[in-house]
Amino acid sequence: MSHEADIMAAFNRFRDALMAQDTRTLDELLAVDYRSYNLRGHLEERDLVLDAYRPGGVSLEEWDLTDLQLEAFPEVGILTGQGRIAGSSQGHPWSHELRFCDVWVLREGSWQILLSQATPMDGPEE
């Protein structure tokens, strides 16, 4: 399997784990030094993300991504795209149109997410 296929397989596992609130798989896929910048530009550490997606926490119900582009190197992959995600948190529904960039690293034979950045989209591109 190529690096591109391996990274996309890991990305699909990540999506499935988020949708299923599967923190065991998320724990495998998030690097120990993982961090992300959310739609408000706030830093979120690994433990915060794992806590948020525990059963009873954030429920992700829609994941519709387009324009996925992947650049793969021997030990790093950069995945970008845009789309719509929606779900609920503590009974309150939410949805976001966004662009994202995920940096994946190959560690001990497995691809893990090291860094995520999400940027809100105000409306259709012109």
C-alpha atoms as a PDB file:
ATOM      1  CA  MET A   1       0.000   0.000   0.000  1.00  0.00           C
ATOM      2  CA  SER A   2       1.253   3.512  -0.772  1.00  0.00           C
ATOM      3  CA  HIS A   3       1.633   6.262   1.811  1.00  0.00           C
ATOM      4  CA  GLU A   4      -1.335   8.036   0.222  1.00  0.00           C
ATOM      5  CA  ALA A   5      -3.568   4.988   0.623  1.00  0.00           C
ATOM      6  CA  ASP A   6      -2.337   4.395   4.189  1.00  0.00           C
ATOM      7  CA  ILE A   7      -3.013   8.007   5.199  1.00  0.00           C
ATOM      8  CA  MET A   8      -6.478   7.976   3.624  1.00  0.00           C
ATOM      9  CA  ALA A   9      -7.259   4.707   5.422  1.00  0.00           C
ATOM     10  CA  ALA A  10      -6.165   6.287   8.735  1.00  0.00           C
ATOM     11  CA  PHE A  11      -8.225   9.412   7.946  1.00  0.00           C
ATOM     12  CA  ASN A  12     -11.304   7.264   7.295  1.00  0.00           C
ATOM     13  CA  ARG A  13     -10.720   5.423  10.590  1.00  0.00           C
ATOM     14  CA  PHE A  14     -10.489   8.841  12.276  1.00  0.00           C
ATOM     15  CA  ARG A  15     -13.812   9.949  10.737  1.00  0.00           C
ATOM     16  CA  ASP A  16     -15.490   6.688  11.747  1.00  0.00           C
ATOM     17  CA  ALA A  17     -14.121   6.952  15.292  1.00  0.00           C
ATOM     18  CA  LEU A  18     -15.403  10.516  15.669  1.00  0.00           C
ATOM     19  CA  MET A  19     -18.843   9.527  14.379  1.00  0.00           C
ATOM     20  CA  ALA A  20     -18.977   6.498  16.722  1.00  0.00           C
ATOM     21  CA  GLN A  21     -17.470   8.307  19.750  1.00  0.00           C
ATOM     22  CA  ASP A  22     -14.801   5.595  19.699  1.00  0.00           C
ATOM     23  CA  THR A  23     -12.166   7.085  21.978  1.00  0.00           C
ATOM     24  CA  ARG A  24     -10.062   3.901  21.894  1.00  0.00           C
ATOM     25  CA  THR A  25      -9.446   4.351  18.152  1.00  0.00           C
ATOM     26  CA  LEU A  26      -9.044   8.122  18.563  1.00  0.00           C
ATOM     27  CA  ASP A  27      -6.403   7.438  21.215  1.00  0.00           C
ATOM     28  CA  GLU A  28      -4.471   5.347  18.651  1.00  0.00           C
ATOM     29  CA  LEU A  29      -4.806   7.918  15.866  1.00  0.00           C
ATOM     30  CA  LEU A  30      -3.990  11.101  17.793  1.00  0.00           C
ATOM     31  CA  ALA A  31      -0.257  11.556  18.331  1.00  0.00           C
ATOM     32  CA  VAL A  32       0.764  11.977  21.976  1.00  0.00           C
ATOM     33  CA  ASP A  33       1.735  15.567  21.127  1.00  0.00           C
ATOM     34  CA  TYR A  34      -1.400  16.218  19.024  1.00  0.00           C
ATOM     35  CA  ARG A  35      -2.939  19.666  19.053  1.00  0.00           C
ATOM     36  CA  SER A  36      -5.558  21.414  16.996  1.00  0.00           C
ATOM     37  CA  TYR A  37      -6.804  24.901  16.343  1.00  0.00           C
ATOM     38  CA  ASN A  38     -10.591  24.985  16.313  1.00  0.00           C
ATOM     39  CA  LEU A  39     -12.920  27.187  14.272  1.00  0.00           C
ATOM     40  CA  ARG A  40     -12.450  30.038  16.760  1.00  0.00           C
ATOM     41  CA  GLY A  41      -8.675  29.764  16.537  1.00  0.00           C
ATOM     42  CA  HIS A  42      -8.344  28.324  20.044  1.00  0.00           C
ATOM     43  CA  LEU A  43      -5.734  25.694  20.789  1.00  0.00           C
ATOM     44  CA  GLU A  44      -7.151  22.317  21.829  1.00  0.00           C
ATOM     45  CA  GLU A  45      -4.816  19.736  23.309  1.00  0.00           C
ATOM     46  CA  ARG A  46      -5.175  15.994  22.779  1.00  0.00           C
ATOM     47  CA  ASP A  47      -6.879  15.260  26.117  1.00  0.00           C
ATOM     48  CA  LEU A  48      -9.560  17.888  25.491  1.00  0.00           C
ATOM     49  CA  VAL A  49     -10.406  16.325  22.128  1.00  0.00           C
ATOM     50  CA  LEU A  50     -10.547  12.814  23.606  1.00  0.00           C
ATOM     51  CA  ASP A  51     -12.808  14.025  26.435  1.00  0.00           C
ATOM     52  CA  ALA A  52     -15.106  15.873  24.022  1.00  0.00           C
ATOM     53  CA  TYR A  53     -15.810  12.763  21.931  1.00  0.00           C
ATOM     54  CA  ARG A  54     -16.491  10.351  24.766  1.00  0.00           C
ATOM     55  CA  PRO A  55     -19.982   8.804  24.693  1.00  0.00           C
ATOM     56  CA  GLY A  56     -22.413  11.443  25.971  1.00  0.00           C
ATOM     57  CA  GLY A  57     -20.228  14.275  24.670  1.00  0.00           C
ATOM     58  CA  VAL A  58     -20.019  15.686  21.171  1.00  0.00           C
ATOM     59  CA  SER A  59     -22.107  13.720  18.714  1.00  0.00           C
ATOM     60  CA  LEU A  60     -21.014  14.049  15.095  1.00  0.00           C
ATOM     61  CA  GLU A  61     -23.873  13.212  12.728  1.00  0.00           C
ATOM     62  CA  GLU A  62     -22.813  14.663   9.380  1.00  0.00           C
ATOM     63  CA  TRP A  63     -19.407  14.582   7.696  1.00  0.00           C
ATOM     64  CA  ASP A  64     -19.582  15.732   4.095  1.00  0.00           C
ATOM     65  CA  LEU A  65     -16.134  16.647   2.793  1.00  0.00           C
ATOM     66  CA  THR A  66     -15.037  17.633  -0.694  1.00  0.00           C
ATOM     67  CA  ASP A  67     -11.914  18.804  -2.456  1.00  0.00           C
ATOM     68  CA  LEU A  68      -9.675  16.424  -0.485  1.00  0.00           C
ATOM     69  CA  GLN A  69      -6.043  16.847  -1.446  1.00  0.00           C
ATOM     70  CA  LEU A  70      -3.176  14.871  -0.009  1.00  0.00           C
ATOM     71  CA  GLU A  71       0.545  15.449  -0.237  1.00  0.00           C
ATOM     72  CA  ALA A  72       2.520  12.503   1.094  1.00  0.00           C
ATOM     73  CA  PHE A  73       6.193  12.387   1.999  1.00  0.00           C
ATOM     74  CA  PRO A  74       8.177   9.527   3.565  1.00  0.00           C
ATOM     75  CA  GLU A  75       7.102  10.332   7.144  1.00  0.00           C
ATOM     76  CA  VAL A  76       4.619  13.223   6.795  1.00  0.00           C
ATOM     77  CA  GLY A  77       1.290  13.687   5.049  1.00  0.00           C
ATOM     78  CA  ILE A  78      -0.676  16.904   4.627  1.00  0.00           C
ATOM     79  CA  LEU A  79      -4.388  16.464   4.010  1.00  0.00           C
ATOM     80  CA  THR A  80      -6.581  19.437   3.139  1.00  0.00           C
ATOM     81  CA  GLY A  81     -10.210  19.789   2.188  1.00  0.00           C
ATOM     82  CA  GLN A  82     -13.457  21.563   2.790  1.00  0.00           C
ATOM     83  CA  GLY A  83     -16.955  20.578   3.721  1.00  0.00           C
ATOM     84  CA  ARG A  84     -19.755  20.545   6.186  1.00  0.00           C
ATOM     85  CA  ILE A  85     -19.870  18.836   9.548  1.00  0.00           C
ATOM     86  CA  ALA A  86     -22.846  18.821  11.892  1.00  0.00           C
ATOM     87  CA  GLY A  87     -23.838  17.268  15.168  1.00  0.00           C
ATOM     88  CA  SER A  88     -24.804  18.173  18.695  1.00  0.00           C
ATOM     89  CA  SER A  89     -23.156  18.915  21.991  1.00  0.00           C
ATOM     90  CA  GLN A  90     -25.023  18.656  25.278  1.00  0.00           C
ATOM     91  CA  GLY A  91     -28.288  18.534  23.328  1.00  0.00           C
ATOM     92  CA  HIS A  92     -27.547  21.653  21.283  1.00  0.00           C
ATOM     93  CA  PRO A  93     -27.302  21.154  17.512  1.00  0.00           C
ATOM     94  CA  TRP A  94     -24.485  22.783  15.542  1.00  0.00           C
ATOM     95  CA  SER A  95     -23.149  22.791  11.999  1.00  0.00           C
ATOM     96  CA  HIS A  96     -20.095  24.261  10.331  1.00  0.00           C
ATOM     97  CA  GLU A  97     -18.888  24.912   6.813  1.00  0.00           C
ATOM     98  CA  LEU A  98     -15.110  24.754   6.964  1.00  0.00           C
ATOM     99  CA  ARG A  99     -11.743  24.268   5.364  1.00  0.00           C
ATOM    100  CA  PHE A 100      -9.245  22.103   7.170  1.00  0.00           C
ATOM    101  CA  CYS A 101      -5.637  21.019   7.160  1.00  0.00           C
ATOM    102  CA  ASP A 102      -4.406  17.919   8.991  1.00  0.00           C
ATOM    103  CA  VAL A 103      -0.736  17.034   9.355  1.00  0.00           C
ATOM    104  CA  TRP A 104      -0.154  13.286   9.651  1.00  0.00           C
ATOM    105  CA  VAL A 105       3.092  11.693  10.819  1.00  0.00           C
ATOM    106  CA  LEU A 106       4.363   8.139  10.511  1.00  0.00           C
ATOM    107  CA  ARG A 107       5.415   6.887  13.930  1.00  0.00           C
ATOM    108  CA  GLU A 108       6.373   3.311  14.747  1.00  0.00           C
ATOM    109  CA  GLY A 109       4.700   2.080  11.580  1.00  0.00           C
ATOM    110  CA  SER A 110       1.360   3.870  12.090  1.00  0.00           C
ATOM    111  CA  TRP A 111      -0.009   7.126  10.718  1.00  0.00           C
ATOM    112  CA  GLN A 112      -1.179   9.565  13.397  1.00  0.00           C
ATOM    113  CA  ILE A 113      -2.545  13.092  13.333  1.00  0.00           C
ATOM    114  CA  LEU A 114      -0.073  15.580  14.772  1.00  0.00           C
ATOM    115  CA  LEU A 115      -1.801  18.887  14.013  1.00  0.00           C
ATOM    116  CA  SER A 116      -5.252  19.971  12.841  1.00  0.00           C
ATOM    117  CA  GLN A 117      -6.430  23.411  11.755  1.00  0.00           C
ATOM    118  CA  ALA A 118     -10.028  24.306  10.899  1.00  0.00           C
ATOM    119  CA  THR A 119     -11.118  27.576   9.320  1.00  0.00           C
ATOM    120  CA  PRO A 120     -14.772  28.606   8.993  1.00  0.00           C
ATOM    121  CA  MET A 121     -16.124  29.431   5.559  1.00  0.00           C
ATOM    122  CA  ASP A 122     -18.431  32.442   5.491  1.00  0.00           C
ATOM    123  CA  GLY A 123     -20.232  31.435   2.321  1.00  0.00           C
ATOM    124  CA  PRO A 124     -19.707  30.250  -1.210  1.00  0.00           C
ATOM    125  CA  GLU A 125     -16.397  31.016  -2.855  1.00  0.00           C
ATOM    126  CA  GLU A 126     -16.401  33.661  -5.530  1.00  0.00           C
END
